[in-house]
Amino acid sequence: EDLEGKTILLGSGSFGAREGEKYLGLFGL
C-alpha cells in the first residue's frame, strides 16, 4: 500500500519484470 507515488525499476523482458507488473495491477497500483 505504501508503494503509491514511489519510483521502482522492473527492468524488461524477464519473468520478474512481467510478474512485477502483474502484481502492481492485482494490488491496485
PDB file of all heavy atoms in Angstrom:
ATOM      1  N   GLU A   1       0.828  -1.204   0.000  1.00  0.00           N
ATOM      2  CA  GLU A   1       0.000   0.000   0.000  1.00  0.00           C
ATOM      3  C   GLU A   1       0.866   1.260   0.000  1.00  0.00           C
ATOM      4  O   GLU A   1       0.469   2.313  -0.523  1.00  0.00           O
ATOM      5  CB  GLU A   1      -0.924   0.007   1.218  1.00  0.00           C
ATOM      6  CG  GLU A   1      -2.051  -1.005   1.169  1.00  0.00           C
ATOM      7  CD  GLU A   1      -1.590  -2.444   1.409  1.00  0.00           C
ATOM      8  OE1 GLU A   1      -0.460  -2.638   1.898  1.00  0.00           O
ATOM      9  OE2 GLU A   1      -2.357  -3.370   1.105  1.00  0.00           O
ATOM     10  N   ASP A   2       2.078   1.151   0.551  1.00  0.00           N
ATOM     11  CA  ASP A   2       2.976   2.307   0.641  1.00  0.00           C
ATOM     12  C   ASP A   2       3.680   2.610  -0.678  1.00  0.00           C
ATOM     13  O   ASP A   2       4.398   3.614  -0.785  1.00  0.00           O
ATOM     14  CB  ASP A   2       4.044   2.070   1.716  1.00  0.00           C
ATOM     15  CG  ASP A   2       3.452   1.868   3.102  1.00  0.00           C
ATOM     16  OD1 ASP A   2       2.374   2.427   3.360  1.00  0.00           O
ATOM     17  OD2 ASP A   2       4.074   1.146   3.916  1.00  0.00           O
ATOM     18  N   LEU A   3       3.505   1.753  -1.696  1.00  0.00           N
ATOM     19  CA  LEU A   3       4.207   1.955  -2.960  1.00  0.00           C
ATOM     20  C   LEU A   3       3.647   3.112  -3.788  1.00  0.00           C
ATOM     21  O   LEU A   3       4.323   3.620  -4.682  1.00  0.00           O
ATOM     22  CB  LEU A   3       4.137   0.675  -3.810  1.00  0.00           C
ATOM     23  CG  LEU A   3       5.068  -0.473  -3.419  1.00  0.00           C
ATOM     24  CD1 LEU A   3       4.762  -1.705  -4.266  1.00  0.00           C
ATOM     25  CD2 LEU A   3       6.521  -0.074  -3.592  1.00  0.00           C
ATOM     26  N   GLU A   4       2.440   3.521  -3.489  1.00  0.00           N
ATOM     27  CA  GLU A   4       1.820   4.596  -4.267  1.00  0.00           C
ATOM     28  C   GLU A   4       2.700   5.843  -4.253  1.00  0.00           C
ATOM     29  O   GLU A   4       3.153   6.302  -3.206  1.00  0.00           O
ATOM     30  CB  GLU A   4       0.434   4.932  -3.719  1.00  0.00           C
ATOM     31  CG  GLU A   4      -0.320   5.926  -4.583  1.00  0.00           C
ATOM     32  CD  GLU A   4      -1.782   6.071  -4.184  1.00  0.00           C
ATOM     33  OE1 GLU A   4      -2.283   5.236  -3.391  1.00  0.00           O
ATOM     34  OE2 GLU A   4      -2.430   7.019  -4.679  1.00  0.00           O
ATOM     35  N   GLY A   5       2.966   6.371  -5.471  1.00  0.00           N
ATOM     36  CA  GLY A   5       3.781   7.578  -5.593  1.00  0.00           C
ATOM     37  C   GLY A   5       5.280   7.320  -5.621  1.00  0.00           C
ATOM     38  O   GLY A   5       6.059   8.263  -5.793  1.00  0.00           O
ATOM     39  N   LYS A   6       5.698   6.088  -5.496  1.00  0.00           N
ATOM     40  CA  LYS A   6       7.122   5.750  -5.479  1.00  0.00           C
ATOM     41  C   LYS A   6       7.611   5.388  -6.885  1.00  0.00           C
ATOM     42  O   LYS A   6       6.815   5.120  -7.786  1.00  0.00           O
ATOM     43  CB  LYS A   6       7.397   4.585  -4.529  1.00  0.00           C
ATOM     44  CG  LYS A   6       6.932   4.838  -3.093  1.00  0.00           C
ATOM     45  CD  LYS A   6       7.657   6.019  -2.472  1.00  0.00           C
ATOM     46  CE  LYS A   6       7.242   6.223  -1.015  1.00  0.00           C
ATOM     47  NZ  LYS A   6       7.903   7.394  -0.406  1.00  0.00           N
ATOM     48  N   THR A   7       8.924   5.379  -7.040  1.00  0.00           N
ATOM     49  CA  THR A   7       9.547   5.014  -8.312  1.00  0.00           C
ATOM     50  C   THR A   7      10.259   3.679  -8.141  1.00  0.00           C
ATOM     51  O   THR A   7      11.118   3.530  -7.270  1.00  0.00           O
ATOM     52  CB  THR A   7      10.576   6.077  -8.746  1.00  0.00           C
ATOM     53  OG1 THR A   7       9.914   7.331  -8.928  1.00  0.00           O
ATOM     54  CG2 THR A   7      11.246   5.675 -10.058  1.00  0.00           C
ATOM     55  N   ILE A   8       9.883   2.728  -8.975  1.00  0.00           N
ATOM     56  CA  ILE A   8      10.527   1.420  -8.892  1.00  0.00           C
ATOM     57  C   ILE A   8      11.004   0.981 -10.276  1.00  0.00           C
ATOM     58  O   ILE A   8      10.480   1.420 -11.295  1.00  0.00           O
ATOM     59  CB  ILE A   8       9.601   0.339  -8.286  1.00  0.00           C
ATOM     60  CG1 ILE A   8       8.371   0.111  -9.161  1.00  0.00           C
ATOM     61  CG2 ILE A   8       9.208   0.684  -6.876  1.00  0.00           C
ATOM     62  CD1 ILE A   8       7.534  -1.072  -8.694  1.00  0.00           C
ATOM     63  N   LEU A   9      11.993   0.106 -10.262  1.00  0.00           N
ATOM     64  CA  LEU A   9      12.580  -0.408 -11.501  1.00  0.00           C
ATOM     65  C   LEU A   9      12.158  -1.861 -11.673  1.00  0.00           C
ATOM     66  O   LEU A   9      12.419  -2.685 -10.803  1.00  0.00           O
ATOM     67  CB  LEU A   9      14.110  -0.281 -11.429  1.00  0.00           C
ATOM     68  CG  LEU A   9      14.912  -0.387 -12.727  1.00  0.00           C
ATOM     69  CD1 LEU A   9      16.314   0.173 -12.527  1.00  0.00           C
ATOM     70  CD2 LEU A   9      15.022  -1.821 -13.221  1.00  0.00           C
ATOM     71  N   LEU A  10      11.501  -2.132 -12.798  1.00  0.00           N
ATOM     72  CA  LEU A  10      11.084  -3.504 -13.090  1.00  0.00           C
ATOM     73  C   LEU A  10      12.030  -4.192 -14.067  1.00  0.00           C
ATOM     74  O   LEU A  10      12.098  -5.423 -14.111  1.00  0.00           O
ATOM     75  CB  LEU A  10       9.675  -3.528 -13.706  1.00  0.00           C
ATOM     76  CG  LEU A  10       8.499  -3.114 -12.832  1.00  0.00           C
ATOM     77  CD1 LEU A  10       7.207  -3.213 -13.640  1.00  0.00           C
ATOM     78  CD2 LEU A  10       8.400  -3.979 -11.588  1.00  0.00           C
ATOM     79  N   GLY A  11      12.753  -3.380 -14.873  1.00  0.00           N
ATOM     80  CA  GLY A  11      13.518  -3.971 -15.956  1.00  0.00           C
ATOM     81  C   GLY A  11      12.572  -4.294 -17.098  1.00  0.00           C
ATOM     82  O   GLY A  11      11.450  -3.781 -17.167  1.00  0.00           O
ATOM     83  N   SER A  12      13.002  -5.172 -17.985  1.00  0.00           N
ATOM     84  CA  SER A  12      12.134  -5.530 -19.115  1.00  0.00           C
ATOM     85  C   SER A  12      12.467  -6.929 -19.621  1.00  0.00           C
ATOM     86  O   SER A  12      13.606  -7.376 -19.558  1.00  0.00           O
ATOM     87  CB  SER A  12      12.303  -4.524 -20.260  1.00  0.00           C
ATOM     88  OG  SER A  12      13.635  -4.531 -20.721  1.00  0.00           O
ATOM     89  N   GLY A  13      11.420  -7.609 -20.087  1.00  0.00           N
ATOM     90  CA  GLY A  13      11.613  -8.882 -20.759  1.00  0.00           C
ATOM     91  C   GLY A  13      11.785 -10.101 -19.880  1.00  0.00           C
ATOM     92  O   GLY A  13      11.678 -11.218 -20.352  1.00  0.00           O
ATOM     93  N   SER A  14      12.026  -9.912 -18.607  1.00  0.00           N
ATOM     94  CA  SER A  14      12.298 -11.044 -17.728  1.00  0.00           C
ATOM     95  C   SER A  14      11.018 -11.513 -17.042  1.00  0.00           C
ATOM     96  O   SER A  14       9.998 -10.814 -17.029  1.00  0.00           O
ATOM     97  CB  SER A  14      13.323 -10.658 -16.662  1.00  0.00           C
ATOM     98  OG  SER A  14      12.767  -9.696 -15.776  1.00  0.00           O
ATOM     99  N   PHE A  15      11.085 -12.702 -16.447  1.00  0.00           N
ATOM    100  CA  PHE A  15       9.959 -13.198 -15.669  1.00  0.00           C
ATOM    101  C   PHE A  15       9.639 -12.239 -14.532  1.00  0.00           C
ATOM    102  O   PHE A  15       8.473 -11.923 -14.277  1.00  0.00           O
ATOM    103  CB  PHE A  15      10.284 -14.587 -15.095  1.00  0.00           C
ATOM    104  CG  PHE A  15       9.306 -15.057 -14.048  1.00  0.00           C
ATOM    105  CD1 PHE A  15       8.070 -15.561 -14.413  1.00  0.00           C
ATOM    106  CD2 PHE A  15       9.627 -14.980 -12.696  1.00  0.00           C
ATOM    107  CE1 PHE A  15       7.159 -15.986 -13.451  1.00  0.00           C
ATOM    108  CE2 PHE A  15       8.726 -15.409 -11.729  1.00  0.00           C
ATOM    109  CZ  PHE A  15       7.494 -15.904 -12.109  1.00  0.00           C
ATOM    110  N   GLY A  16      10.677 -11.747 -13.845  1.00  0.00           N
ATOM    111  CA  GLY A  16      10.468 -10.834 -12.722  1.00  0.00           C
ATOM    112  C   GLY A  16       9.770  -9.553 -13.137  1.00  0.00           C
ATOM    113  O   GLY A  16       8.909  -9.039 -12.418  1.00  0.00           O
ATOM    114  N   ALA A  17      10.140  -9.024 -14.308  1.00  0.00           N
ATOM    115  CA  ALA A  17       9.514  -7.791 -14.796  1.00  0.00           C
ATOM    116  C   ALA A  17       8.042  -8.014 -15.111  1.00  0.00           C
ATOM    117  O   ALA A  17       7.175  -7.216 -14.731  1.00  0.00           O
ATOM    118  CB  ALA A  17      10.256  -7.284 -16.030  1.00  0.00           C
ATOM    119  N   ARG A  18       7.753  -9.111 -15.802  1.00  0.00           N
ATOM    120  CA  ARG A  18       6.349  -9.413 -16.150  1.00  0.00           C
ATOM    121  C   ARG A  18       5.535  -9.684 -14.891  1.00  0.00           C
ATOM    122  O   ARG A  18       4.395  -9.214 -14.765  1.00  0.00           O
ATOM    123  CB  ARG A  18       6.288 -10.621 -17.083  1.00  0.00           C
ATOM    124  CG  ARG A  18       6.893 -10.383 -18.459  1.00  0.00           C
ATOM    125  CD  ARG A  18       6.587 -11.529 -19.407  1.00  0.00           C
ATOM    126  NE  ARG A  18       7.145 -12.793 -18.934  1.00  0.00           N
ATOM    127  CZ  ARG A  18       8.370 -13.223 -19.209  1.00  0.00           C
ATOM    128  NH1 ARG A  18       9.193 -12.480 -19.930  1.00  0.00           N
ATOM    129  NH2 ARG A  18       8.794 -14.402 -18.745  1.00  0.00           N
ATOM    130  N   GLU A  19       6.117 -10.420 -13.976  1.00  0.00           N
ATOM    131  CA  GLU A  19       5.397 -10.759 -12.752  1.00  0.00           C
ATOM    132  C   GLU A  19       5.196  -9.525 -11.882  1.00  0.00           C
ATOM    133  O   GLU A  19       4.135  -9.317 -11.289  1.00  0.00           O
ATOM    134  CB  GLU A  19       6.190 -11.838 -11.990  1.00  0.00           C
ATOM    135  CG  GLU A  19       5.392 -12.588 -10.949  1.00  0.00           C
ATOM    136  CD  GLU A  19       4.452 -13.630 -11.536  1.00  0.00           C
ATOM    137  OE1 GLU A  19       4.287 -13.689 -12.779  1.00  0.00           O
ATOM    138  OE2 GLU A  19       3.874 -14.382 -10.746  1.00  0.00           O
ATOM    139  N   GLY A  20       6.226  -8.672 -11.798  1.00  0.00           N
ATOM    140  CA  GLY A  20       6.119  -7.446 -11.010  1.00  0.00           C
ATOM    141  C   GLY A  20       5.025  -6.537 -11.515  1.00  0.00           C
ATOM    142  O   GLY A  20       4.235  -5.975 -10.737  1.00  0.00           O
ATOM    143  N   GLU A  21       4.942  -6.407 -12.838  1.00  0.00           N
ATOM    144  CA  GLU A  21       3.892  -5.571 -13.436  1.00  0.00           C
ATOM    145  C   GLU A  21       2.516  -6.162 -13.145  1.00  0.00           C
ATOM    146  O   GLU A  21       1.557  -5.432 -12.858  1.00  0.00           O
ATOM    147  CB  GLU A  21       4.125  -5.465 -14.945  1.00  0.00           C
ATOM    148  CG  GLU A  21       3.200  -4.487 -15.644  1.00  0.00           C
ATOM    149  CD  GLU A  21       3.578  -4.271 -17.098  1.00  0.00           C
ATOM    150  OE1 GLU A  21       4.407  -5.040 -17.630  1.00  0.00           O
ATOM    151  OE2 GLU A  21       3.029  -3.334 -17.713  1.00  0.00           O
ATOM    152  N   LYS A  22       2.426  -7.485 -13.200  1.00  0.00           N
ATOM    153  CA  LYS A  22       1.152  -8.150 -12.900  1.00  0.00           C
ATOM    154  C   LYS A  22       0.713  -7.873 -11.461  1.00  0.00           C
ATOM    155  O   LYS A  22      -0.462  -7.581 -11.200  1.00  0.00           O
ATOM    156  CB  LYS A  22       1.287  -9.657 -13.123  1.00  0.00           C
ATOM    157  CG  LYS A  22      -0.001 -10.438 -12.876  1.00  0.00           C
ATOM    158  CD  LYS A  22       0.194 -11.922 -13.112  1.00  0.00           C
ATOM    159  CE  LYS A  22       0.671 -12.639 -11.864  1.00  0.00           C
ATOM    160  NZ  LYS A  22       0.694 -14.118 -12.008  1.00  0.00           N
ATOM    161  N   TYR A  23       1.654  -7.918 -10.537  1.00  0.00           N
ATOM    162  CA  TYR A  23       1.323  -7.713  -9.125  1.00  0.00           C
ATOM    163  C   TYR A  23       0.849  -6.288  -8.869  1.00  0.00           C
ATOM    164  O   TYR A  23      -0.054  -6.062  -8.056  1.00  0.00           O
ATOM    165  CB  TYR A  23       2.516  -8.028  -8.230  1.00  0.00           C
ATOM    166  CG  TYR A  23       2.878  -9.503  -8.156  1.00  0.00           C
ATOM    167  CD1 TYR A  23       2.367 -10.426  -9.074  1.00  0.00           C
ATOM    168  CD2 TYR A  23       3.749  -9.980  -7.181  1.00  0.00           C
ATOM    169  CE1 TYR A  23       2.695 -11.752  -9.021  1.00  0.00           C
ATOM    170  CE2 TYR A  23       4.084 -11.326  -7.111  1.00  0.00           C
ATOM    171  CZ  TYR A  23       3.558 -12.211  -8.039  1.00  0.00           C
ATOM    172  OH  TYR A  23       3.888 -13.539  -7.994  1.00  0.00           O
ATOM    173  N   LEU A  24       1.460  -5.317  -9.559  1.00  0.00           N
ATOM    174  CA  LEU A  24       1.024  -3.924  -9.390  1.00  0.00           C
ATOM    175  C   LEU A  24      -0.440  -3.789  -9.798  1.00  0.00           C
ATOM    176  O   LEU A  24      -1.217  -3.085  -9.133  1.00  0.00           O
ATOM    177  CB  LEU A  24       1.899  -2.990 -10.225  1.00  0.00           C
ATOM    178  CG  LEU A  24       3.370  -2.870  -9.800  1.00  0.00           C
ATOM    179  CD1 LEU A  24       4.112  -1.917 -10.731  1.00  0.00           C
ATOM    180  CD2 LEU A  24       3.495  -2.407  -8.354  1.00  0.00           C
ATOM    181  N   GLY A  25      -0.812  -4.483 -10.868  1.00  0.00           N
ATOM    182  CA  GLY A  25      -2.211  -4.458 -11.295  1.00  0.00           C
ATOM    183  C   GLY A  25      -3.119  -5.167 -10.318  1.00  0.00           C
ATOM    184  O   GLY A  25      -4.204  -4.667  -9.972  1.00  0.00           O
ATOM    185  N   LEU A  26      -2.689  -6.334  -9.835  1.00  0.00           N
ATOM    186  CA  LEU A  26      -3.501  -7.113  -8.899  1.00  0.00           C
ATOM    187  C   LEU A  26      -3.747  -6.373  -7.593  1.00  0.00           C
ATOM    188  O   LEU A  26      -4.809  -6.493  -6.989  1.00  0.00           O
ATOM    189  CB  LEU A  26      -2.801  -8.451  -8.593  1.00  0.00           C
ATOM    190  CG  LEU A  26      -2.830  -9.530  -9.674  1.00  0.00           C
ATOM    191  CD1 LEU A  26      -1.960 -10.706  -9.250  1.00  0.00           C
ATOM    192  CD2 LEU A  26      -4.269 -10.009  -9.920  1.00  0.00           C
ATOM    193  N   PHE A  27      -2.735  -5.599  -7.159  1.00  0.00           N
ATOM    194  CA  PHE A  27      -2.821  -4.954  -5.852  1.00  0.00           C
ATOM    195  C   PHE A  27      -3.279  -3.502  -5.944  1.00  0.00           C
ATOM    196  O   PHE A  27      -3.104  -2.714  -5.010  1.00  0.00           O
ATOM    197  CB  PHE A  27      -1.466  -5.020  -5.128  1.00  0.00           C
ATOM    198  CG  PHE A  27      -0.909  -6.429  -4.996  1.00  0.00           C
ATOM    199  CD1 PHE A  27       0.448  -6.645  -4.852  1.00  0.00           C
ATOM    200  CD2 PHE A  27      -1.758  -7.542  -5.007  1.00  0.00           C
ATOM    201  CE1 PHE A  27       0.957  -7.941  -4.723  1.00  0.00           C
ATOM    202  CE2 PHE A  27      -1.260  -8.831  -4.886  1.00  0.00           C
ATOM    203  CZ  PHE A  27       0.110  -9.031  -4.754  1.00  0.00           C
ATOM    204  N   GLY A  28      -3.890  -3.133  -7.091  1.00  0.00           N
ATOM    205  CA  GLY A  28      -4.488  -1.804  -7.228  1.00  0.00           C
ATOM    206  C   GLY A  28      -3.493  -0.673  -7.380  1.00  0.00           C
ATOM    207  O   GLY A  28      -3.800   0.480  -7.062  1.00  0.00           O
ATOM    208  N   LEU A  29      -2.303  -0.956  -7.907  1.00  0.00           N
ATOM    209  CA  LEU A  29      -1.257   0.067  -8.002  1.00  0.00           C
ATOM    210  C   LEU A  29      -0.943   0.467  -9.439  1.00  0.00           C
ATOM    211  O   LEU A  29      -0.044   1.274  -9.664  1.00  0.00           O
ATOM    212  CB  LEU A  29       0.015  -0.438  -7.315  1.00  0.00           C
ATOM    213  CG  LEU A  29      -0.070  -0.550  -5.792  1.00  0.00           C
ATOM    214  CD1 LEU A  29       1.040  -1.452  -5.256  1.00  0.00           C
ATOM    215  CD2 LEU A  29       0.006   0.831  -5.152  1.00  0.00           C
TER     216      LEU A  29
END
